[in-house]
Amino acid sequence: MFKILPLLVTLCSFSTFAQEANNLSQDIYVAGGYSYHEVFDDSGNAFDGYFGARNIYGNSLFIGGELEGKVIDNSGLKKKGLDEEYSFSANIPVGKRFKLNETLSIDAYGLIGYSTLQTKPKVDKSLHGVKYGVGIELNTSNWLVGIRYSRVNLDYDFDQKDISLLVGYKFKSLLN
């Protein structure tokens, strides 16, 4: 956790200084998704929920914050006696918005965050770690459709990998 602290502080200070810009807009969104999920080289499915916001600046760069929850069904891992139940993540997407016209745009971004995975039976240590990934989304004035790849470096020297398809609705912000 302490290794990513300088990055998080830098990103937060960038956001604070960039709020001085006159051309600030904000997207607040809720989304649902489906993921191809893999842990211990065993794959399964996950159903995702997202809630987040992004500040988009005059130069089309953005930074945001996002909460993510997944309900996981990994039948391959169940055969080994470990059942994944759910995971929670807090993510910071950072990227660029490419405007195609007045109501259509594409967001390309990287994300960094922190994630925890709950299993049954519980393991001695909780499974948590740094999350990172990339994504691309097509935005209309009220909707978004996207795909993202993410990876979590969990304890016990293994990774959680997800390829997620998401569809979301964007609410109007007071800043727009």
N, C-alpha and C. Protein backbone atom coordinates (compact mmCIF):
# COMPACT_ATOMS: atom_id res chain seq x y z
N MET A 1 0.83 -1.19 0.00
CA MET A 1 0.00 0.00 0.00
C MET A 1 0.87 1.25 0.00
N PHE A 2 1.96 1.23 0.75
CA PHE A 2 2.81 2.41 0.84
C PHE A 2 3.54 2.69 -0.46
N LYS A 3 3.69 1.68 -1.31
CA LYS A 3 4.36 1.88 -2.59
C LYS A 3 3.55 2.74 -3.54
N ILE A 4 2.21 2.68 -3.46
CA ILE A 4 1.38 3.46 -4.36
C ILE A 4 0.96 4.80 -3.75
N LEU A 5 1.28 5.04 -2.48
CA LEU A 5 0.88 6.27 -1.82
C LEU A 5 1.37 7.52 -2.55
N PRO A 6 2.65 7.60 -2.99
CA PRO A 6 3.07 8.79 -3.73
C PRO A 6 2.26 9.02 -5.01
N LEU A 7 1.89 7.95 -5.71
CA LEU A 7 1.09 8.09 -6.92
C LEU A 7 -0.30 8.64 -6.59
N LEU A 8 -0.92 8.11 -5.53
CA LEU A 8 -2.24 8.59 -5.15
C LEU A 8 -2.21 10.05 -4.72
N VAL A 9 -1.19 10.44 -3.96
CA VAL A 9 -1.07 11.84 -3.54
C VAL A 9 -0.87 12.75 -4.75
N THR A 10 -0.05 12.32 -5.70
CA THR A 10 0.17 13.11 -6.92
C THR A 10 -1.11 13.27 -7.71
N LEU A 11 -1.86 12.18 -7.88
CA LEU A 11 -3.11 12.26 -8.63
C LEU A 11 -4.12 13.16 -7.94
N CYS A 12 -4.21 13.08 -6.62
CA CYS A 12 -5.14 13.94 -5.89
C CYS A 12 -4.74 15.41 -5.98
N SER A 13 -3.45 15.71 -5.89
CA SER A 13 -3.02 17.10 -6.00
C SER A 13 -3.23 17.62 -7.41
N PHE A 14 -3.02 16.78 -8.44
CA PHE A 14 -3.29 17.17 -9.81
C PHE A 14 -4.76 17.57 -9.95
N SER A 15 -5.65 16.78 -9.35
CA SER A 15 -7.07 17.05 -9.43
C SER A 15 -7.41 18.37 -8.74
N THR A 16 -6.80 18.64 -7.60
CA THR A 16 -7.05 19.88 -6.87
C THR A 16 -6.59 21.10 -7.67
N PHE A 17 -5.39 21.05 -8.25
CA PHE A 17 -4.89 22.18 -9.01
C PHE A 17 -5.67 22.37 -10.31
N ALA A 18 -6.09 21.29 -10.91
CA ALA A 18 -6.79 21.38 -12.19
C ALA A 18 -8.20 21.95 -12.03
N GLN A 19 -8.74 21.97 -10.82
CA GLN A 19 -10.08 22.51 -10.63
C GLN A 19 -10.11 24.02 -10.86
N GLU A 20 -8.96 24.65 -10.97
CA GLU A 20 -8.90 26.07 -11.27
C GLU A 20 -9.31 26.34 -12.72
N ALA A 21 -9.34 25.30 -13.54
CA ALA A 21 -9.67 25.47 -14.96
C ALA A 21 -11.13 25.88 -15.11
N ASN A 22 -11.39 26.75 -16.09
CA ASN A 22 -12.74 27.23 -16.33
C ASN A 22 -13.60 26.22 -17.09
N ASN A 23 -12.99 25.35 -17.84
CA ASN A 23 -13.73 24.44 -18.71
C ASN A 23 -13.92 23.06 -18.08
N LEU A 24 -14.26 23.00 -16.83
CA LEU A 24 -14.43 21.74 -16.13
C LEU A 24 -15.84 21.20 -16.35
N SER A 25 -15.95 19.92 -16.69
CA SER A 25 -17.25 19.24 -16.70
C SER A 25 -17.08 17.95 -15.92
N GLN A 26 -18.21 17.35 -15.57
CA GLN A 26 -18.15 16.16 -14.74
C GLN A 26 -19.19 15.14 -15.19
N ASP A 27 -18.78 13.87 -15.23
CA ASP A 27 -19.68 12.75 -15.47
C ASP A 27 -19.87 12.00 -14.16
N ILE A 28 -21.11 11.77 -13.77
CA ILE A 28 -21.44 10.91 -12.64
C ILE A 28 -22.21 9.74 -13.24
N TYR A 29 -21.80 8.52 -12.94
CA TYR A 29 -22.39 7.38 -13.64
C TYR A 29 -22.60 6.19 -12.72
N VAL A 30 -23.53 5.35 -13.14
CA VAL A 30 -23.77 4.05 -12.54
C VAL A 30 -23.79 3.06 -13.71
N ALA A 31 -23.15 1.91 -13.52
CA ALA A 31 -23.03 0.95 -14.62
C ALA A 31 -23.12 -0.47 -14.09
N GLY A 32 -23.48 -1.36 -14.97
CA GLY A 32 -23.49 -2.79 -14.69
C GLY A 32 -22.66 -3.49 -15.74
N GLY A 33 -22.17 -4.67 -15.42
CA GLY A 33 -21.34 -5.34 -16.39
C GLY A 33 -21.24 -6.83 -16.17
N TYR A 34 -20.59 -7.46 -17.12
CA TYR A 34 -20.32 -8.89 -17.10
C TYR A 34 -18.83 -9.07 -17.33
N SER A 35 -18.19 -9.96 -16.57
CA SER A 35 -16.75 -10.16 -16.68
C SER A 35 -16.40 -11.62 -16.90
N TYR A 36 -15.39 -11.82 -17.73
CA TYR A 36 -14.67 -13.09 -17.78
C TYR A 36 -13.63 -12.97 -16.68
N HIS A 37 -13.64 -13.87 -15.73
CA HIS A 37 -12.87 -13.74 -14.49
C HIS A 37 -11.92 -14.94 -14.35
N GLU A 38 -10.70 -14.67 -13.90
CA GLU A 38 -9.73 -15.76 -13.75
C GLU A 38 -8.90 -15.58 -12.48
N VAL A 39 -8.79 -16.66 -11.70
CA VAL A 39 -7.93 -16.72 -10.51
C VAL A 39 -7.33 -18.13 -10.48
N PHE A 40 -6.06 -18.25 -10.11
CA PHE A 40 -5.37 -19.55 -10.07
C PHE A 40 -5.47 -20.29 -11.40
N ASP A 41 -5.51 -19.58 -12.49
CA ASP A 41 -5.66 -20.16 -13.83
C ASP A 41 -6.98 -20.90 -14.01
N ASP A 42 -7.96 -20.66 -13.14
CA ASP A 42 -9.31 -21.19 -13.29
C ASP A 42 -10.24 -20.04 -13.62
N SER A 43 -11.04 -20.21 -14.67
CA SER A 43 -11.88 -19.10 -15.12
C SER A 43 -13.32 -19.29 -14.69
N GLY A 44 -14.02 -18.17 -14.64
CA GLY A 44 -15.43 -18.16 -14.29
C GLY A 44 -16.07 -16.88 -14.79
N ASN A 45 -17.23 -16.56 -14.25
CA ASN A 45 -17.98 -15.37 -14.64
C ASN A 45 -18.16 -14.48 -13.43
N ALA A 46 -18.37 -13.20 -13.70
CA ALA A 46 -18.67 -12.25 -12.63
C ALA A 46 -19.66 -11.23 -13.16
N PHE A 47 -20.52 -10.79 -12.27
CA PHE A 47 -21.46 -9.71 -12.59
C PHE A 47 -21.04 -8.51 -11.77
N ASP A 48 -20.88 -7.36 -12.45
CA ASP A 48 -20.25 -6.19 -11.85
C ASP A 48 -21.25 -5.06 -11.66
N GLY A 49 -20.97 -4.21 -10.66
CA GLY A 49 -21.69 -2.96 -10.46
C GLY A 49 -20.67 -1.86 -10.22
N TYR A 50 -20.90 -0.69 -10.82
CA TYR A 50 -19.97 0.44 -10.73
C TYR A 50 -20.74 1.71 -10.35
N PHE A 51 -20.12 2.55 -9.54
CA PHE A 51 -20.60 3.91 -9.28
C PHE A 51 -19.39 4.81 -9.27
N GLY A 52 -19.42 5.88 -10.08
CA GLY A 52 -18.24 6.73 -10.13
C GLY A 52 -18.51 8.11 -10.68
N ALA A 53 -17.45 8.91 -10.69
CA ALA A 53 -17.48 10.27 -11.23
C ALA A 53 -16.14 10.56 -11.87
N ARG A 54 -16.18 11.38 -12.91
CA ARG A 54 -14.96 11.81 -13.61
C ARG A 54 -15.01 13.32 -13.83
N ASN A 55 -13.93 14.00 -13.51
CA ASN A 55 -13.77 15.40 -13.85
C ASN A 55 -13.03 15.49 -15.18
N ILE A 56 -13.66 16.12 -16.17
CA ILE A 56 -13.08 16.26 -17.49
C ILE A 56 -12.67 17.72 -17.65
N TYR A 57 -11.41 17.95 -17.94
CA TYR A 57 -10.87 19.31 -18.02
C TYR A 57 -10.87 19.82 -19.45
N GLY A 58 -10.58 21.09 -19.62
CA GLY A 58 -10.63 21.75 -20.92
C GLY A 58 -9.75 21.08 -21.97
N ASN A 59 -8.66 20.46 -21.56
CA ASN A 59 -7.76 19.79 -22.50
C ASN A 59 -8.17 18.34 -22.76
N SER A 60 -9.38 17.95 -22.32
CA SER A 60 -9.97 16.62 -22.50
C SER A 60 -9.32 15.53 -21.65
N LEU A 61 -8.40 15.88 -20.76
CA LEU A 61 -7.87 14.90 -19.82
C LEU A 61 -8.87 14.75 -18.67
N PHE A 62 -8.94 13.56 -18.09
CA PHE A 62 -9.85 13.38 -16.96
C PHE A 62 -9.21 12.53 -15.88
N ILE A 63 -9.74 12.70 -14.68
CA ILE A 63 -9.38 11.89 -13.52
C ILE A 63 -10.67 11.67 -12.75
N GLY A 64 -10.80 10.51 -12.14
CA GLY A 64 -12.05 10.21 -11.45
C GLY A 64 -11.86 9.30 -10.27
N GLY A 65 -12.98 8.89 -9.72
CA GLY A 65 -13.01 7.93 -8.63
C GLY A 65 -14.17 6.99 -8.87
N GLU A 66 -14.00 5.72 -8.48
CA GLU A 66 -15.01 4.73 -8.81
C GLU A 66 -15.02 3.63 -7.76
N LEU A 67 -16.22 3.18 -7.39
CA LEU A 67 -16.39 2.01 -6.53
C LEU A 67 -16.93 0.88 -7.40
N GLU A 68 -16.41 -0.31 -7.20
CA GLU A 68 -16.78 -1.46 -8.03
C GLU A 68 -17.04 -2.66 -7.13
N GLY A 69 -18.10 -3.38 -7.42
CA GLY A 69 -18.40 -4.63 -6.72
C GLY A 69 -18.65 -5.74 -7.73
N LYS A 70 -18.21 -6.96 -7.42
CA LYS A 70 -18.39 -8.10 -8.31
C LYS A 70 -18.96 -9.28 -7.51
N VAL A 71 -19.95 -9.94 -8.09
CA VAL A 71 -20.44 -11.22 -7.59
C VAL A 71 -19.87 -12.27 -8.53
N ILE A 72 -19.13 -13.24 -7.97
CA ILE A 72 -18.30 -14.13 -8.79
C ILE A 72 -18.81 -15.57 -8.73
N ASP A 73 -18.79 -16.22 -9.90
CA ASP A 73 -19.09 -17.65 -10.00
C ASP A 73 -17.95 -18.30 -10.76
N ASN A 74 -17.06 -18.96 -10.05
CA ASN A 74 -15.89 -19.60 -10.66
C ASN A 74 -15.98 -21.10 -10.39
N SER A 75 -16.65 -21.82 -11.28
CA SER A 75 -16.88 -23.26 -11.06
C SER A 75 -15.59 -24.07 -11.09
N GLY A 76 -14.58 -23.62 -11.88
CA GLY A 76 -13.30 -24.33 -11.91
C GLY A 76 -12.60 -24.31 -10.57
N LEU A 77 -12.69 -23.20 -9.86
CA LEU A 77 -12.05 -23.08 -8.55
C LEU A 77 -12.85 -23.83 -7.48
N LYS A 78 -14.18 -23.92 -7.66
CA LYS A 78 -15.00 -24.66 -6.69
C LYS A 78 -14.59 -26.12 -6.64
N LYS A 79 -14.18 -26.67 -7.78
CA LYS A 79 -13.75 -28.07 -7.82
C LYS A 79 -12.51 -28.30 -6.97
N LYS A 80 -11.74 -27.23 -6.72
CA LYS A 80 -10.55 -27.34 -5.88
C LYS A 80 -10.85 -27.03 -4.41
N GLY A 81 -12.14 -26.79 -4.09
CA GLY A 81 -12.53 -26.57 -2.71
C GLY A 81 -12.52 -25.13 -2.26
N LEU A 82 -12.36 -24.18 -3.17
CA LEU A 82 -12.36 -22.76 -2.81
C LEU A 82 -13.42 -22.05 -3.65
N ASP A 83 -14.34 -21.37 -3.00
CA ASP A 83 -15.44 -20.70 -3.68
C ASP A 83 -15.26 -19.19 -3.56
N GLU A 84 -15.06 -18.54 -4.70
CA GLU A 84 -15.02 -17.07 -4.70
C GLU A 84 -16.45 -16.56 -4.56
N GLU A 85 -16.66 -15.61 -3.66
CA GLU A 85 -18.00 -15.07 -3.47
C GLU A 85 -18.15 -13.70 -4.11
N TYR A 86 -17.32 -12.74 -3.72
CA TYR A 86 -17.44 -11.38 -4.24
C TYR A 86 -16.13 -10.64 -4.05
N SER A 87 -16.03 -9.51 -4.74
CA SER A 87 -14.87 -8.62 -4.54
C SER A 87 -15.34 -7.17 -4.57
N PHE A 88 -14.60 -6.33 -3.89
CA PHE A 88 -14.84 -4.89 -3.88
C PHE A 88 -13.55 -4.18 -4.28
N SER A 89 -13.71 -3.08 -5.03
CA SER A 89 -12.55 -2.30 -5.46
C SER A 89 -12.86 -0.81 -5.39
N ALA A 90 -11.83 -0.03 -5.16
CA ALA A 90 -11.87 1.43 -5.30
C ALA A 90 -10.83 1.77 -6.36
N ASN A 91 -11.27 2.43 -7.44
CA ASN A 91 -10.42 2.69 -8.60
C ASN A 91 -10.29 4.18 -8.89
N ILE A 92 -9.17 4.54 -9.48
CA ILE A 92 -8.94 5.90 -9.97
C ILE A 92 -8.64 5.81 -11.47
N PRO A 93 -9.65 6.12 -12.33
CA PRO A 93 -9.37 6.14 -13.76
C PRO A 93 -8.74 7.48 -14.17
N VAL A 94 -7.72 7.42 -15.00
CA VAL A 94 -7.04 8.61 -15.52
C VAL A 94 -6.89 8.42 -17.02
N GLY A 95 -7.37 9.39 -17.80
CA GLY A 95 -7.29 9.20 -19.24
C GLY A 95 -7.59 10.44 -20.05
N LYS A 96 -7.98 10.20 -21.30
CA LYS A 96 -8.25 11.27 -22.26
C LYS A 96 -9.57 10.99 -22.95
N ARG A 97 -10.36 12.05 -23.14
CA ARG A 97 -11.62 11.97 -23.87
C ARG A 97 -11.40 12.51 -25.28
N PHE A 98 -11.79 11.72 -26.27
CA PHE A 98 -11.70 12.11 -27.67
C PHE A 98 -13.11 12.40 -28.17
N LYS A 99 -13.40 13.67 -28.46
CA LYS A 99 -14.73 14.05 -28.93
C LYS A 99 -14.86 13.73 -30.41
N LEU A 100 -15.92 12.99 -30.75
CA LEU A 100 -16.20 12.68 -32.14
C LEU A 100 -17.17 13.71 -32.73
N ASN A 101 -18.15 14.13 -31.93
CA ASN A 101 -19.06 15.23 -32.28
C ASN A 101 -19.61 15.79 -30.97
N GLU A 102 -20.69 16.56 -31.03
CA GLU A 102 -21.21 17.23 -29.84
C GLU A 102 -21.73 16.25 -28.78
N THR A 103 -22.25 15.09 -29.19
CA THR A 103 -22.84 14.17 -28.22
C THR A 103 -22.15 12.81 -28.16
N LEU A 104 -21.09 12.59 -28.93
CA LEU A 104 -20.43 11.30 -28.99
C LEU A 104 -18.94 11.47 -28.72
N SER A 105 -18.40 10.63 -27.81
CA SER A 105 -16.97 10.70 -27.50
C SER A 105 -16.46 9.32 -27.11
N ILE A 106 -15.15 9.19 -27.13
CA ILE A 106 -14.48 7.96 -26.71
C ILE A 106 -13.53 8.30 -25.58
N ASP A 107 -13.61 7.54 -24.49
CA ASP A 107 -12.69 7.68 -23.36
C ASP A 107 -11.69 6.53 -23.40
N ALA A 108 -10.41 6.85 -23.38
CA ALA A 108 -9.35 5.85 -23.26
C ALA A 108 -8.64 6.15 -21.94
N TYR A 109 -8.43 5.13 -21.11
CA TYR A 109 -7.90 5.40 -19.78
C TYR A 109 -7.13 4.21 -19.21
N GLY A 110 -6.32 4.54 -18.24
CA GLY A 110 -5.71 3.56 -17.37
C GLY A 110 -6.36 3.69 -16.01
N LEU A 111 -6.27 2.67 -15.21
CA LEU A 111 -6.83 2.80 -13.86
C LEU A 111 -5.90 2.12 -12.87
N ILE A 112 -5.94 2.65 -11.67
CA ILE A 112 -5.20 2.07 -10.56
C ILE A 112 -6.14 2.09 -9.36
N GLY A 113 -6.01 1.11 -8.52
CA GLY A 113 -6.89 1.04 -7.36
C GLY A 113 -6.45 -0.01 -6.38
N TYR A 114 -7.38 -0.41 -5.55
CA TYR A 114 -7.12 -1.41 -4.53
C TYR A 114 -8.34 -2.31 -4.45
N SER A 115 -8.15 -3.63 -4.35
CA SER A 115 -9.25 -4.58 -4.40
C SER A 115 -9.11 -5.63 -3.31
N THR A 116 -10.25 -6.15 -2.87
CA THR A 116 -10.29 -7.25 -1.92
C THR A 116 -11.21 -8.34 -2.46
N LEU A 117 -10.86 -9.58 -2.22
CA LEU A 117 -11.61 -10.75 -2.71
C LEU A 117 -12.04 -11.59 -1.51
N GLN A 118 -13.31 -11.93 -1.45
CA GLN A 118 -13.84 -12.75 -0.37
C GLN A 118 -14.09 -14.17 -0.89
N THR A 119 -13.66 -15.17 -0.12
CA THR A 119 -13.80 -16.57 -0.51
C THR A 119 -14.49 -17.37 0.59
N LYS A 120 -14.92 -18.55 0.20
CA LYS A 120 -15.48 -19.49 1.16
C LYS A 120 -14.81 -20.83 0.89
N PRO A 121 -14.20 -21.50 1.80
CA PRO A 121 -13.94 -21.05 3.17
C PRO A 121 -12.92 -19.91 3.16
N LYS A 122 -12.95 -19.15 4.22
CA LYS A 122 -12.03 -18.03 4.32
C LYS A 122 -10.60 -18.55 4.44
N VAL A 123 -9.67 -17.86 3.77
CA VAL A 123 -8.27 -18.22 3.88
C VAL A 123 -7.68 -17.49 5.09
N ASP A 124 -6.49 -17.92 5.52
CA ASP A 124 -5.87 -17.35 6.72
C ASP A 124 -5.74 -15.84 6.64
N LYS A 125 -5.25 -15.36 5.53
CA LYS A 125 -5.14 -13.92 5.30
C LYS A 125 -6.25 -13.49 4.36
N SER A 126 -6.63 -12.23 4.46
CA SER A 126 -7.59 -11.76 3.47
C SER A 126 -6.86 -11.57 2.14
N LEU A 127 -7.56 -11.77 1.05
CA LEU A 127 -6.97 -11.63 -0.28
C LEU A 127 -7.24 -10.22 -0.77
N HIS A 128 -6.19 -9.43 -0.88
CA HIS A 128 -6.34 -8.06 -1.33
C HIS A 128 -5.05 -7.63 -2.00
N GLY A 129 -5.14 -6.56 -2.78
CA GLY A 129 -3.94 -6.06 -3.43
C GLY A 129 -4.22 -4.91 -4.38
N VAL A 130 -3.15 -4.45 -5.00
CA VAL A 130 -3.20 -3.33 -5.93
C VAL A 130 -3.83 -3.78 -7.23
N LYS A 131 -4.73 -2.96 -7.74
CA LYS A 131 -5.43 -3.25 -9.00
C LYS A 131 -4.96 -2.24 -10.04
N TYR A 132 -4.77 -2.71 -11.27
CA TYR A 132 -4.41 -1.82 -12.38
C TYR A 132 -5.02 -2.36 -13.66
N GLY A 133 -5.19 -1.49 -14.64
CA GLY A 133 -5.80 -1.94 -15.88
C GLY A 133 -5.94 -0.82 -16.89
N VAL A 134 -6.60 -1.14 -18.00
CA VAL A 134 -6.87 -0.18 -19.07
C VAL A 134 -8.30 -0.39 -19.55
N GLY A 135 -8.86 0.65 -20.15
CA GLY A 135 -10.22 0.54 -20.67
C GLY A 135 -10.49 1.54 -21.77
N ILE A 136 -11.57 1.29 -22.49
CA ILE A 136 -12.04 2.21 -23.52
C ILE A 136 -13.56 2.20 -23.47
N GLU A 137 -14.16 3.39 -23.60
CA GLU A 137 -15.61 3.52 -23.52
C GLU A 137 -16.12 4.45 -24.61
N LEU A 138 -17.29 4.13 -25.14
CA LEU A 138 -18.01 4.99 -26.06
C LEU A 138 -19.08 5.70 -25.25
N ASN A 139 -19.08 7.04 -25.30
CA ASN A 139 -20.01 7.85 -24.51
C ASN A 139 -20.99 8.58 -25.42
N THR A 140 -22.26 8.57 -25.05
CA THR A 140 -23.23 9.48 -25.64
C THR A 140 -23.55 10.51 -24.55
N SER A 141 -24.54 11.33 -24.76
CA SER A 141 -24.84 12.34 -23.74
C SER A 141 -25.29 11.71 -22.43
N ASN A 142 -25.99 10.56 -22.47
CA ASN A 142 -26.47 9.94 -21.23
C ASN A 142 -26.00 8.51 -21.00
N TRP A 143 -25.40 7.86 -21.98
CA TRP A 143 -25.05 6.45 -21.87
C TRP A 143 -23.58 6.21 -22.12
N LEU A 144 -23.06 5.11 -21.59
CA LEU A 144 -21.70 4.68 -21.89
C LEU A 144 -21.69 3.17 -22.08
N VAL A 145 -20.85 2.72 -23.00
CA VAL A 145 -20.64 1.31 -23.27
C VAL A 145 -19.13 1.11 -23.35
N GLY A 146 -18.59 0.15 -22.63
CA GLY A 146 -17.14 0.02 -22.62
C GLY A 146 -16.65 -1.39 -22.37
N ILE A 147 -15.34 -1.52 -22.50
CA ILE A 147 -14.63 -2.76 -22.21
C ILE A 147 -13.37 -2.39 -21.45
N ARG A 148 -13.01 -3.22 -20.47
CA ARG A 148 -11.77 -2.96 -19.72
C ARG A 148 -11.10 -4.27 -19.33
N TYR A 149 -9.80 -4.19 -19.21
CA TYR A 149 -9.00 -5.30 -18.71
C TYR A 149 -8.39 -4.84 -17.40
N SER A 150 -8.49 -5.65 -16.36
CA SER A 150 -7.88 -5.30 -15.08
C SER A 150 -7.23 -6.53 -14.47
N ARG A 151 -6.28 -6.23 -13.62
CA ARG A 151 -5.51 -7.27 -12.95
C ARG A 151 -5.27 -6.83 -11.51
N VAL A 152 -5.36 -7.78 -10.59
CA VAL A 152 -5.11 -7.50 -9.17
C VAL A 152 -4.00 -8.42 -8.71
N ASN A 153 -2.95 -7.86 -8.13
CA ASN A 153 -1.88 -8.65 -7.51
C ASN A 153 -2.32 -8.98 -6.09
N LEU A 154 -2.84 -10.20 -5.90
CA LEU A 154 -3.35 -10.63 -4.60
C LEU A 154 -2.24 -11.25 -3.77
N ASP A 155 -2.52 -11.44 -2.48
CA ASP A 155 -1.59 -12.16 -1.60
C ASP A 155 -1.38 -13.57 -2.14
N TYR A 156 -0.43 -14.28 -1.57
CA TYR A 156 -0.11 -15.66 -1.95
C TYR A 156 0.43 -15.78 -3.37
N ASP A 157 0.96 -14.71 -3.91
CA ASP A 157 1.61 -14.73 -5.22
C ASP A 157 0.72 -15.22 -6.35
N PHE A 158 -0.52 -14.79 -6.39
CA PHE A 158 -1.35 -15.08 -7.56
C PHE A 158 -2.15 -13.84 -7.92
N ASP A 159 -2.71 -13.86 -9.12
CA ASP A 159 -3.39 -12.70 -9.66
C ASP A 159 -4.86 -13.00 -9.93
N GLN A 160 -5.65 -11.95 -9.90
CA GLN A 160 -7.03 -11.99 -10.35
C GLN A 160 -7.07 -11.18 -11.64
N LYS A 161 -7.61 -11.75 -12.71
CA LYS A 161 -7.68 -11.07 -14.00
C LYS A 161 -9.13 -11.01 -14.44
N ASP A 162 -9.53 -9.86 -15.01
CA ASP A 162 -10.89 -9.68 -15.48
C ASP A 162 -10.90 -8.96 -16.82
N ILE A 163 -11.75 -9.41 -17.72
CA ILE A 163 -12.09 -8.67 -18.93
C ILE A 163 -13.57 -8.36 -18.79
N SER A 164 -13.92 -7.09 -18.70
CA SER A 164 -15.28 -6.69 -18.36
C SER A 164 -15.93 -5.89 -19.49
N LEU A 165 -17.18 -6.20 -19.76
CA LEU A 165 -18.03 -5.41 -20.64
C LEU A 165 -18.99 -4.65 -19.74
N LEU A 166 -19.15 -3.35 -19.95
CA LEU A 166 -20.02 -2.58 -19.09
C LEU A 166 -20.92 -1.64 -19.88
N VAL A 167 -22.10 -1.42 -19.32
CA VAL A 167 -23.09 -0.49 -19.87
C VAL A 167 -23.54 0.38 -18.71
N GLY A 168 -23.58 1.70 -18.92
CA GLY A 168 -23.92 2.58 -17.82
C GLY A 168 -24.76 3.77 -18.23
N TYR A 169 -25.30 4.43 -17.23
CA TYR A 169 -26.10 5.65 -17.41
C TYR A 169 -25.39 6.79 -16.71
N LYS A 170 -25.29 7.94 -17.39
CA LYS A 170 -24.62 9.11 -16.82
C LYS A 170 -25.68 10.12 -16.36
N PHE A 171 -25.51 10.59 -15.13
CA PHE A 171 -26.41 11.60 -14.57
C PHE A 171 -25.84 12.99 -14.86
N LYS A 172 -26.70 13.98 -14.86
CA LYS A 172 -26.25 15.36 -15.04
C LYS A 172 -25.60 15.85 -13.76
N SER A 173 -24.46 16.50 -13.90
CA SER A 173 -23.73 17.03 -12.76
C SER A 173 -24.06 18.51 -12.59
N LEU A 174 -23.85 19.02 -11.40
CA LEU A 174 -24.05 20.46 -11.16
C LEU A 174 -22.97 21.29 -11.87
N LEU A 175 -21.83 20.66 -12.20
CA LEU A 175 -20.75 21.40 -12.85
C LEU A 175 -20.98 21.60 -14.35
N ASN A 176 -21.83 20.79 -14.96
CA ASN A 176 -22.04 20.87 -16.41
C ASN A 176 -22.92 22.02 -16.80
